[in-house]
Amino acid sequence: MLGLRTVIYKVSDIEKAKDWYSKAFNTTPYFDESFYVGFNIAGYELGLQPEETTVTDKPESVLTYWGVDKIDKEYDRLLAFGASKHESPTNVGGELVVASVRDPWGNVIGLIYNPYFKLP
């Protein structure tokens, strides 16, 4: 295993999702086609793919957490952009804090403050 490369969120409206994710992650796509939009988030790929059929009740079998320095601020910022609450910021031991929201298409976006984790 070489580590995480890409996280893909399926969305019913890729143009609206591209705009929302551009604002939410404060970046623009490096790859922008009708079948896939890719963002470079600090060396990791966040991808958007159009759903063939709109799915409103998305499973939570996998959670991806995006690292942040100020979790309360980022959580509130995503809510202000139209995300909905999923899990409020919660201390899970030591200085570790996790939270999650649902994007406007029902995907869960996890946030984590983890001062113990360092990239190689």
Protein backbone atom coordinates (compact mmCIF):
# COMPACT_ATOMS: atom_id res chain seq x y z
CA MET A 1 0.00 0.00 0.00
CA LEU A 2 1.28 3.43 -0.91
CA GLY A 3 -1.30 5.45 1.02
CA LEU A 4 -4.48 7.33 0.24
CA ARG A 5 -4.74 8.74 -3.28
CA THR A 6 -8.34 9.63 -4.13
CA VAL A 7 -11.67 10.07 -2.39
CA ILE A 8 -14.68 10.23 -4.71
CA TYR A 9 -18.07 11.71 -3.89
CA LYS A 10 -20.98 10.89 -6.18
CA VAL A 11 -23.30 13.80 -6.88
CA SER A 12 -26.52 14.34 -8.84
CA ASP A 13 -25.48 17.75 -10.22
CA ILE A 14 -21.77 17.87 -10.99
CA GLU A 15 -21.75 21.57 -11.95
CA LYS A 16 -23.37 22.66 -8.67
CA ALA A 17 -21.17 20.24 -6.75
CA LYS A 18 -18.04 21.60 -8.46
CA ASP A 19 -18.99 25.10 -7.32
CA TRP A 20 -19.84 23.95 -3.78
CA TYR A 21 -16.65 21.93 -3.32
CA SER A 22 -14.54 24.75 -4.80
CA LYS A 23 -15.88 27.06 -2.08
CA ALA A 24 -15.87 24.45 0.71
CA PHE A 25 -12.25 23.42 0.09
CA ASN A 26 -11.11 26.87 -1.08
CA THR A 27 -9.61 25.63 -4.35
CA THR A 28 -10.39 25.06 -8.01
CA PRO A 29 -10.38 21.76 -9.90
CA TYR A 30 -7.25 20.67 -11.71
CA PHE A 31 -9.33 18.28 -13.85
CA ASP A 32 -12.76 19.35 -15.04
CA GLU A 33 -14.87 17.18 -17.35
CA SER A 34 -18.53 16.23 -17.41
CA PHE A 35 -17.71 12.71 -16.20
CA TYR A 36 -15.24 13.65 -13.44
CA VAL A 37 -14.00 16.68 -11.55
CA GLY A 38 -10.76 16.38 -9.58
CA PHE A 39 -9.34 18.65 -6.88
CA ASN A 40 -5.86 18.50 -5.38
CA ILE A 41 -6.26 18.87 -1.61
CA ALA A 42 -2.75 19.15 -0.16
CA GLY A 43 -1.53 16.27 -2.33
CA TYR A 44 -4.66 14.10 -2.05
CA GLU A 45 -7.37 13.90 -4.67
CA LEU A 46 -10.98 14.76 -4.01
CA GLY A 47 -13.06 13.61 -6.94
CA LEU A 48 -16.64 14.21 -8.00
CA GLN A 49 -18.53 11.82 -10.25
CA PRO A 50 -22.07 12.22 -11.55
CA GLU A 51 -24.60 9.70 -10.27
CA GLU A 52 -26.53 7.78 -12.92
CA THR A 53 -29.51 7.77 -10.58
CA THR A 54 -29.94 10.27 -7.75
CA VAL A 55 -29.35 8.62 -4.38
CA THR A 56 -30.64 10.51 -1.37
CA ASP A 57 -30.00 7.94 1.37
CA LYS A 58 -26.28 7.28 1.06
CA PRO A 59 -24.63 4.58 3.20
CA GLU A 60 -22.06 5.40 5.85
CA SER A 61 -19.92 2.29 5.43
CA VAL A 62 -16.74 4.31 4.84
CA LEU A 63 -15.80 7.62 6.42
CA THR A 64 -13.01 9.79 5.08
CA TYR A 65 -11.60 12.45 7.38
CA TRP A 66 -9.93 15.55 5.96
CA GLY A 67 -7.27 16.99 8.27
CA VAL A 68 -7.88 20.48 9.65
CA ASP A 69 -6.18 22.72 12.21
CA LYS A 70 -9.29 24.45 13.55
CA ILE A 71 -12.05 21.88 13.50
CA ASP A 72 -14.82 24.00 15.05
CA LYS A 73 -14.18 26.80 12.56
CA GLU A 74 -14.13 24.44 9.54
CA TYR A 75 -17.22 22.57 10.75
CA ASP A 76 -19.15 25.84 11.12
CA ARG A 77 -17.84 27.10 7.77
CA LEU A 78 -19.12 24.02 5.93
CA LEU A 79 -22.50 24.37 7.63
CA ALA A 80 -22.61 28.00 6.48
CA PHE A 81 -22.00 26.80 2.89
CA GLY A 82 -25.07 24.56 3.04
CA ALA A 83 -23.79 21.32 4.53
CA SER A 84 -25.94 19.69 7.20
CA LYS A 85 -24.89 18.36 10.58
CA HIS A 86 -23.84 14.74 10.78
CA GLU A 87 -21.58 14.56 13.85
CA SER A 88 -20.67 17.61 15.93
CA PRO A 89 -17.01 18.06 16.88
CA THR A 90 -16.23 15.38 19.45
CA ASN A 91 -13.05 14.67 21.39
CA VAL A 92 -12.20 11.00 20.85
CA GLY A 93 -9.14 10.84 23.09
CA GLY A 94 -6.17 13.03 23.90
CA GLU A 95 -6.17 15.96 21.51
CA LEU A 96 -7.99 14.06 18.72
CA VAL A 97 -11.24 15.67 17.61
CA VAL A 98 -13.51 14.45 14.80
CA ALA A 99 -16.63 15.88 13.19
CA SER A 100 -18.62 15.29 10.03
CA VAL A 101 -21.20 16.98 7.84
CA ARG A 102 -23.31 15.93 4.88
CA ASP A 103 -22.81 17.82 1.64
CA PRO A 104 -25.93 18.99 -0.25
CA TRP A 105 -25.95 15.60 -2.08
CA GLY A 106 -25.95 13.50 1.09
CA ASN A 107 -22.27 12.52 1.14
CA VAL A 108 -20.54 12.46 4.52
CA ILE A 109 -17.45 14.66 4.76
CA GLY A 110 -15.34 13.92 7.81
CA LEU A 111 -13.04 16.41 9.51
CA ILE A 112 -10.26 15.52 11.93
CA TYR A 113 -7.88 17.47 14.11
CA ASN A 114 -5.00 15.07 14.81
CA PRO A 115 -1.76 16.67 15.99
CA TYR A 116 -0.20 13.20 16.40
CA PHE A 117 -0.36 12.31 12.69
CA LYS A 118 2.54 13.57 10.57
CA LEU A 119 3.06 12.96 6.87
CA PRO A 120 6.37 11.29 5.94
